[in-house]
Protein backbone atom coordinates (compact mmCIF):
# COMPACT_ATOMS: atom_id res chain seq x y z
CA MET A 1 -128.80 -40.27 -6.11
CA ALA A 2 -130.33 -36.81 -6.31
CA THR A 3 -127.72 -35.79 -8.89
CA VAL A 4 -128.68 -38.68 -11.15
CA GLY A 5 -132.35 -37.80 -10.72
CA ILE A 6 -131.69 -34.18 -11.64
CA MET A 7 -129.69 -35.23 -14.72
CA ILE A 8 -132.47 -37.56 -15.90
CA VAL A 9 -135.18 -34.98 -15.30
CA GLY A 10 -133.12 -32.34 -17.12
CA ALA A 11 -132.70 -34.61 -20.14
CA VAL A 12 -136.42 -35.42 -20.24
CA LEU A 13 -137.40 -31.76 -19.91
CA ASN A 14 -134.99 -30.78 -22.66
CA ALA A 15 -136.31 -33.50 -24.97
CA THR A 16 -139.96 -32.59 -24.41
CA ALA A 17 -139.61 -28.79 -24.39
CA PHE A 18 -141.09 -28.27 -27.88
CA ILE A 19 -144.15 -30.44 -27.16
CA GLY A 20 -144.62 -29.03 -23.67
CA GLY A 21 -144.23 -25.48 -24.92
CA SER A 22 -146.89 -26.12 -27.55
CA GLN A 23 -149.29 -27.51 -24.95
CA ILE A 24 -148.76 -24.54 -22.65
CA ALA A 25 -149.33 -22.20 -25.60
CA LYS A 26 -152.66 -23.95 -26.27
CA ILE A 27 -153.66 -23.48 -22.63
CA PHE A 28 -152.85 -19.75 -22.54
CA ASP A 29 -154.04 -19.00 -26.08
CA PRO A 30 -156.58 -21.62 -27.27
CA THR A 31 -157.16 -19.80 -30.55
CA ALA A 32 -153.45 -19.70 -31.46
CA THR A 33 -153.10 -20.50 -35.15
CA HIS A 34 -149.35 -19.99 -35.21
CA LEU A 35 -148.73 -23.29 -33.41
CA GLU A 36 -149.43 -25.40 -36.49
CA GLU A 37 -147.14 -23.20 -38.58
CA GLU A 38 -144.45 -23.47 -35.90
CA ARG A 39 -144.79 -27.28 -35.85
CA LYS A 40 -144.51 -27.49 -39.64
CA ARG A 41 -141.49 -25.19 -39.64
CA HIS A 42 -139.88 -27.26 -36.89
CA ASP A 43 -140.54 -30.57 -38.67
CA LEU A 44 -139.20 -29.28 -42.00
CA ALA A 45 -136.05 -27.99 -40.33
CA LEU A 46 -135.61 -31.31 -38.52
CA GLU A 47 -135.86 -33.22 -41.81
CA LYS A 48 -133.27 -30.99 -43.48
CA PHE A 49 -130.98 -31.21 -40.46
CA THR A 50 -131.22 -35.02 -40.35
CA LYS A 51 -130.47 -35.32 -44.07
CA ASP A 52 -127.43 -33.03 -43.88
CA HIS A 53 -126.15 -34.59 -40.67
CA ASN A 54 -126.35 -38.08 -42.18
CA LYS A 55 -124.47 -36.88 -45.28
CA TRP A 56 -121.84 -35.21 -43.08
CA SER A 57 -121.41 -38.39 -41.00
CA GLU A 58 -121.01 -40.52 -44.11
CA ASN A 59 -118.40 -38.15 -45.58
CA ARG A 60 -116.52 -38.05 -42.30
CA SER A 61 -116.55 -41.84 -42.08
CA ASN A 62 -115.28 -42.16 -45.66
CA MET A 63 -112.49 -39.69 -44.93
CA TYR A 64 -111.42 -41.62 -41.82
CA ASP A 65 -111.52 -44.89 -43.76
CA PHE A 66 -109.35 -43.41 -46.49
CA ILE A 67 -106.83 -42.11 -43.97
CA GLN A 68 -106.72 -45.48 -42.23
CA LYS A 69 -106.11 -47.27 -45.54
CA GLN A 70 -103.28 -44.87 -46.31
CA HIS A 71 -101.69 -45.63 -42.96
CA LEU A 72 -101.97 -49.37 -43.54
CA ASN A 73 -100.68 -49.18 -47.13
CA GLN A 74 -97.61 -47.22 -46.11
CA ASN A 75 -97.07 -49.15 -42.84
CA VAL A 76 -97.08 -45.85 -41.03
CA ALA A 77 -98.41 -45.79 -37.49
CA GLN A 78 -97.44 -42.27 -36.60
CA THR A 79 -100.20 -39.89 -35.62
CA ASP A 80 -98.47 -36.57 -35.90
CA PHE A 81 -100.04 -33.68 -37.73
CA ASN A 82 -97.71 -33.72 -40.74
CA ILE A 83 -98.73 -37.22 -41.81
CA THR A 84 -102.40 -36.45 -41.20
CA ASP A 85 -102.10 -33.31 -43.33
CA ASP A 86 -100.45 -35.31 -46.12
CA ASN A 87 -103.25 -37.88 -46.02
CA LEU A 88 -105.89 -35.17 -46.14
CA ARG A 89 -104.13 -33.62 -49.13
CA LEU A 90 -104.06 -37.02 -50.87
CA TYR A 91 -107.72 -37.55 -50.06
CA LYS A 92 -108.53 -34.18 -51.57
CA GLU A 93 -106.58 -35.12 -54.72
CA TYR A 94 -108.53 -38.37 -55.12
CA HIS A 95 -111.86 -36.82 -54.13
CA PRO A 96 -111.86 -33.19 -55.32
CA ASP A 97 -115.65 -32.88 -55.02
CA VAL A 98 -115.67 -33.58 -51.27
CA GLU A 99 -115.20 -30.81 -48.73
CA ILE A 100 -112.75 -32.00 -46.10
CA ASN A 101 -113.05 -29.28 -43.50
CA LYS A 102 -116.82 -28.98 -43.51
CA MET A 103 -118.20 -28.36 -40.05
CA GLU A 104 -120.76 -30.66 -38.46
CA PRO A 105 -124.26 -29.31 -39.10
CA THR A 106 -126.20 -28.18 -36.06
CA PHE A 107 -129.96 -28.03 -35.75
CA SER A 108 -129.84 -24.36 -34.76
CA THR A 109 -128.62 -23.58 -38.30
CA TYR A 110 -131.95 -24.77 -39.69
CA TYR A 111 -134.48 -23.77 -37.06
CA GLN A 112 -134.85 -20.97 -34.56
CA PRO A 113 -138.04 -21.07 -32.49
CA SER A 114 -140.15 -17.94 -32.51
CA ASP A 115 -140.14 -15.69 -29.45
CA ASP A 116 -143.59 -16.94 -28.43
CA MET A 117 -142.47 -20.56 -28.66
CA LYS A 118 -139.31 -19.81 -26.65
CA LYS A 119 -141.46 -18.20 -23.93
CA TYR A 120 -143.71 -21.27 -23.68
CA GLN A 121 -140.76 -23.66 -23.76
CA TYR A 122 -139.09 -21.77 -20.91
CA MET A 123 -142.34 -21.86 -18.94
CA TYR A 124 -142.53 -25.63 -19.47
CA ILE A 125 -138.90 -26.21 -18.48
CA ILE A 126 -139.07 -24.02 -15.37
CA GLY A 127 -142.38 -25.56 -14.29
CA GLY A 128 -141.05 -29.07 -14.87
CA ALA A 129 -137.87 -28.30 -12.95
CA VAL A 130 -139.81 -26.91 -9.97
CA ILE A 131 -142.10 -29.94 -9.89
CA SER A 132 -139.10 -32.27 -10.23
CA VAL A 133 -137.32 -30.63 -7.30
CA TYR A 134 -140.39 -31.16 -5.11
CA ILE A 135 -140.64 -34.79 -6.22
CA ILE A 136 -136.93 -35.48 -5.67
CA LYS A 137 -137.01 -33.80 -2.24
CA GLY A 138 -140.07 -35.87 -1.39
CA LEU A 139 -138.19 -39.10 -2.23
CA LYS A 140 -135.43 -38.41 0.32
C-alpha cells in the first residue's frame, strides 16, 4: 500500500514541479520578473513539442499501416528482420519525402529550464516528498 502511495505522490510531484517551482520562486523572490519569461518559454516549447510529437506519431502510424498492408497483400506472416527491411525500403520508394528512421521527439529537445527554475523545482519536489513521507507514515 505504501509503495502505491509513493508512486502516486511521485507522479503528482513530477507533474506539478513547474507550477510548484514557480510558486516557491515567488515566495523567495517576490520581485522576480524572470518567471513570466520562463513560463512563456516553457509554453512555447510545449506547443512546438506537441506539434512535432503529433506529426511523428502520425508518420509512425502510417508507416506501420503500410507495412501491415504489404504483409497482407503478399500473404506473408513472417516477422523477421529481412522482410521488415524490405517493407521499409518499399515504403521509402513510395514515400521518398518521409523520414523512416526519425527518432521520437522529446520535450527536453525544445526546453531546458533555467538554473533558477531547476533550483525551485527541486525544492518543491524535495519538500513535497518529505511531506508525503510524513503523511504516508501517519496513515499506517
